[in-house]
Protein backbone atom coordinates (compact mmCIF):
# COMPACT_ATOMS: atom_id res chain seq x y z
CA MET A 1 34.68 86.08 71.94
CA ALA A 2 35.11 82.81 73.84
CA ILE A 3 37.95 81.79 71.51
CA MET A 4 39.70 85.16 72.03
CA ASN A 5 39.37 84.81 75.81
CA GLN A 6 40.86 81.33 75.64
CA LYS A 7 43.84 82.61 73.60
CA LEU A 8 44.34 85.54 75.98
CA PHE A 9 44.24 83.20 78.96
CA ALA A 10 46.81 80.93 77.30
CA ILE A 11 49.14 83.89 76.63
CA ILE A 12 48.85 85.11 80.24
CA LEU A 13 49.47 81.60 81.54
CA ILE A 14 52.61 81.22 79.41
CA PHE A 15 53.86 84.68 80.48
CA PHE A 16 53.58 83.94 84.20
CA SER A 17 54.99 80.44 83.71
CA VAL A 18 58.10 81.99 82.17
CA ILE A 19 58.43 84.53 85.00
CA TYR A 20 57.96 82.14 87.89
CA GLY A 21 59.74 79.27 86.19
CA GLN A 22 63.07 81.12 86.07
CA PRO A 23 65.50 80.93 89.01
CA LYS A 24 65.56 84.13 91.06
CA TRP A 25 69.10 83.97 92.45
CA HIS A 26 72.29 83.67 90.39
CA PHE A 27 75.69 83.30 92.06
CA GLN A 28 78.87 83.56 90.03
CA VAL A 29 82.49 82.70 90.78
CA GLY A 30 85.07 83.42 88.13
CA THR A 31 88.12 85.23 86.92
CA GLY A 32 88.87 88.22 84.76
CA PHE A 33 91.67 89.65 82.66
CA TYR A 34 92.56 93.34 82.36
CA GLN A 35 95.66 95.44 81.70
CA PRO A 36 96.18 98.31 84.14
CA LYS A 37 99.39 100.30 83.82
CA LEU A 38 100.87 99.99 87.32
CA GLY A 39 104.47 100.84 86.48
CA ALA A 40 105.11 103.26 89.35
CA LEU A 41 103.38 101.01 91.88
CA ASN A 42 105.07 97.80 90.71
CA ALA A 43 108.48 99.49 90.70
CA ALA A 44 107.96 100.47 94.33
CA LEU A 45 106.60 97.10 95.47
CA GLY A 46 108.75 94.88 93.23
CA ASP A 47 108.28 91.30 92.04
CA SER A 48 105.14 91.92 90.00
CA SER A 49 103.79 88.96 88.04
CA PHE A 50 101.17 88.33 85.39
CA LEU A 51 98.80 86.96 88.03
CA SER A 52 99.16 89.94 90.36
CA ASN A 53 99.05 92.52 87.57
CA ASN A 54 96.42 91.24 85.12
CA ILE A 55 94.17 88.67 86.79
CA LEU A 56 91.01 89.36 88.81
CA LEU A 57 88.97 87.10 91.07
CA ASP A 58 85.23 87.65 90.61
CA PHE A 59 82.33 87.08 93.03
CA THR A 60 78.89 88.16 91.80
CA ALA A 61 75.30 87.72 92.97
CA THR A 62 72.15 88.77 91.09
CA TYR A 63 68.42 88.65 91.79
CA ARG A 64 65.75 88.50 89.10
CA ILE A 65 63.21 91.33 89.48
CA TYR A 66 61.43 90.86 86.13
CA TYR A 67 61.31 88.21 83.45
CA ASN A 68 64.23 89.84 81.55
CA SER A 69 65.91 91.95 84.27
CA ARG A 70 68.19 91.34 87.22
CA ILE A 71 69.95 93.54 89.76
CA GLY A 72 73.20 92.52 91.37
CA ILE A 73 76.39 93.22 93.25
CA SER A 74 79.88 92.28 92.15
CA ASN A 75 83.30 92.25 93.78
CA TRP A 76 86.56 91.76 91.88
CA TYR A 77 89.94 91.47 93.54
CA SER A 78 93.55 91.82 92.38
CA PHE A 79 96.26 90.71 94.82
CA HIS A 80 99.98 91.41 95.06
CA ASN A 81 101.38 89.61 98.11
CA GLN A 82 105.00 89.43 99.23
CA LYS A 83 106.32 87.66 102.28
CA ASP A 84 107.89 90.05 104.82
CA SER A 85 107.11 93.03 102.57
CA PHE A 86 104.25 95.10 101.19
CA ASN A 87 100.90 93.67 100.12
CA ARG A 88 98.54 95.35 97.66
CA ILE A 89 94.84 94.70 97.02
CA PHE A 90 92.68 96.34 94.37
CA THR A 91 88.95 95.92 95.06
CA TYR A 92 86.42 96.77 92.36
CA ARG A 93 82.80 96.86 93.61
CA SER A 94 79.68 97.38 91.53
CA ILE A 95 75.93 97.62 92.01
CA PHE A 96 74.44 97.03 88.58
CA ALA A 97 71.35 96.45 86.49
CA GLU A 98 71.29 93.59 84.00
CA THR A 99 68.97 92.89 81.09
CA TYR A 100 68.95 89.64 79.16
CA PHE A 101 67.08 87.56 76.63
CA HIS A 102 67.18 83.88 75.69
CA ARG A 103 68.05 82.93 72.14
CA THR A 104 67.22 79.36 73.09
CA GLU A 105 66.31 77.81 76.42
CA SER A 106 70.00 77.24 77.20
CA LEU A 107 71.57 80.28 75.52
CA GLU A 108 71.32 83.75 77.07
CA PHE A 109 72.64 87.14 75.94
CA ASN A 110 73.00 89.86 78.58
CA PHE A 111 73.98 93.48 79.12
CA VAL A 112 75.21 95.06 82.38
CA ILE A 113 75.59 98.68 83.43
CA GLY A 114 76.21 100.25 86.83
CA PRO A 115 78.26 102.50 89.12
CA MET A 116 81.37 101.33 90.95
CA TRP A 117 83.09 102.09 94.25
CA ASN A 118 86.71 100.96 94.00
CA SER A 119 89.69 100.99 96.33
CA CYS A 120 93.34 100.08 96.75
CA ASP A 121 95.00 99.05 100.02
CA ILE A 122 98.77 98.87 100.45
CA SER A 123 99.79 97.32 103.75
CA MET A 124 102.75 95.91 105.63
CA GLY A 125 102.93 93.88 108.80
CA ILE A 126 105.22 95.35 111.46
CA GLU A 127 106.72 93.52 114.43
CA ASN A 128 108.50 95.43 117.20
CA GLU A 129 109.76 94.85 120.69
CA ASN A 130 107.68 96.56 123.36
CA THR A 131 109.34 97.11 126.72
CA ASN A 132 106.04 98.01 128.39
CA TRP A 133 104.56 94.61 127.54
CA THR A 134 107.80 92.87 128.55
CA ASP A 135 107.77 94.64 131.92
CA LEU A 136 104.09 93.87 132.50
CA LEU A 137 104.35 90.19 131.61
CA SER A 138 107.52 89.75 133.66
CA THR A 139 105.54 90.76 136.78
CA PHE A 140 103.38 87.68 136.18
CA GLY A 141 106.40 85.39 136.16
CA ASN A 142 107.07 85.40 132.41
CA SER A 143 110.60 85.67 131.09
CA GLY A 144 112.00 86.74 127.76
CA THR A 145 111.42 89.63 125.41
CA PHE A 146 107.95 90.06 123.93
CA THR A 147 107.03 91.65 120.64
CA PHE A 148 103.84 93.18 119.32
CA LYS A 149 102.52 93.03 115.77
CA SER A 150 100.58 95.66 113.88
CA THR A 151 99.68 96.50 110.29
CA ALA A 152 100.36 99.84 108.62
CA ILE A 153 97.95 100.64 105.77
CA MET A 154 97.66 103.34 103.14
CA ASN A 155 94.46 103.31 101.11
CA LYS A 156 92.45 105.18 98.52
CA SER A 157 88.85 104.93 97.27
CA TRP A 158 87.29 106.32 94.10
CA PHE A 159 84.20 106.11 91.92
CA GLY A 160 83.95 104.20 88.68
CA PHE A 161 81.55 102.97 86.02
CA LEU A 162 80.98 99.52 84.53
CA SER A 163 79.39 98.24 81.33
CA SER A 164 79.59 94.85 79.63
CA VAL A 165 77.92 92.51 77.18
CA GLY A 166 77.99 88.77 77.52
CA VAL A 167 76.70 85.35 76.71
CA ARG A 168 75.70 82.64 79.15
CA TYR A 169 75.18 78.96 78.39
CA TYR A 170 73.22 76.84 80.84
CA LEU A 171 74.58 73.31 81.12
CA LYS A 172 71.48 72.56 83.18
CA SER A 173 68.86 74.62 84.99
CA SER A 174 71.09 75.19 88.04
CA LEU A 175 74.51 75.57 86.37
CA GLY A 176 75.88 77.77 83.62
CA ILE A 177 79.03 79.23 82.05
CA ASP A 178 79.18 83.02 81.65
CA PHE A 179 81.53 84.95 79.32
CA ARG A 180 81.61 88.76 79.17
CA VAL A 181 83.53 91.55 77.51
CA GLY A 182 83.28 94.93 79.18
CA PHE A 183 84.76 98.26 80.12
CA ILE A 184 85.67 99.90 83.43
CA ARG A 185 85.95 103.66 83.81
CA ASN A 186 87.91 104.75 86.90
CA PHE A 187 87.97 108.29 88.28
CA TYR A 188 91.26 107.82 90.10
CA THR A 189 93.76 110.50 91.12
CA LYS A 190 97.00 110.03 93.03
CA GLU A 191 96.11 112.73 95.56
CA LYS A 192 94.34 112.21 98.89
CA TRP A 193 95.41 108.73 99.77
CA LYS A 194 95.02 108.07 103.49
CA TYR A 195 97.73 106.96 105.89
CA GLU A 196 97.05 107.01 109.63
CA GLY A 197 94.36 109.64 109.09
CA GLU A 198 96.65 111.91 107.07
CA ASP A 199 96.27 112.89 103.40
CA ILE A 200 99.24 111.76 101.30
CA ASN A 201 100.11 111.30 97.63
CA GLY A 202 99.95 107.81 96.16
CA PRO A 203 101.29 106.14 93.01
CA ASN A 204 100.68 107.60 89.56
CA ILE A 205 98.95 104.60 87.95
CA LEU A 206 97.00 104.55 84.68
CA ILE A 207 93.63 102.83 85.21
CA LYS A 208 91.24 105.41 83.75
CA SER A 209 89.85 103.28 80.89
CA LEU A 210 90.19 99.52 81.19
CA PRO A 211 88.75 96.86 78.86
CA ILE A 212 88.01 93.67 80.75
CA ILE A 213 87.28 90.04 79.87
CA ARG A 214 85.50 87.82 82.39
CA LEU A 215 84.73 84.11 82.58
CA GLY A 216 82.73 82.53 85.36
CA VAL A 217 80.66 79.62 86.60
CA VAL A 218 77.06 80.47 87.50
CA PHE A 219 74.95 78.66 90.10
CA THR A 220 71.20 79.33 90.17
CA ARG A 221 68.39 78.62 92.58
């Protein structure tokens, strides 16, 4: 009986050593590749490039809640910027659950699944002369014509779904490289975009089912 108790104690000690020995926080900065069909949108905005069409910037944070489970939030961004013209930003947001196991101390395999809340903003800076401001400022001794700047925005939000599998290699306890292959499901429709509080139609883009590849650097603490 004493021998069994000693073995049980050793197993419990190892179990809790594994749990409390792992870093709780993981922060990831990286990039992703996907292939949305944005023909109608790109035709309207013009000057689309590989970077603006297919590349994502990734910022992710996770917290370990169990020895093989983490929860996290992720934000991915796709930018299309043009000087003196329209700017477009896709934002893909996810709250997810992640399970993982270690093949070796340095090698980890993981699986992610979670809902998404995504959006697209199309904006343009506007600069106009304003006689009211010119008249007001002239009473204070200012001369010249004054302009005011504003930004006009049309936007749309929709639900989505994320799943991925990946592998992570830890170069050291506080630094790792993460590679994932996944899938995004978007429930997007072109109706009910918003512009100045009004419902309008937006571009007919094809983003319903999107495979995605991600590569990032992970910092732990």
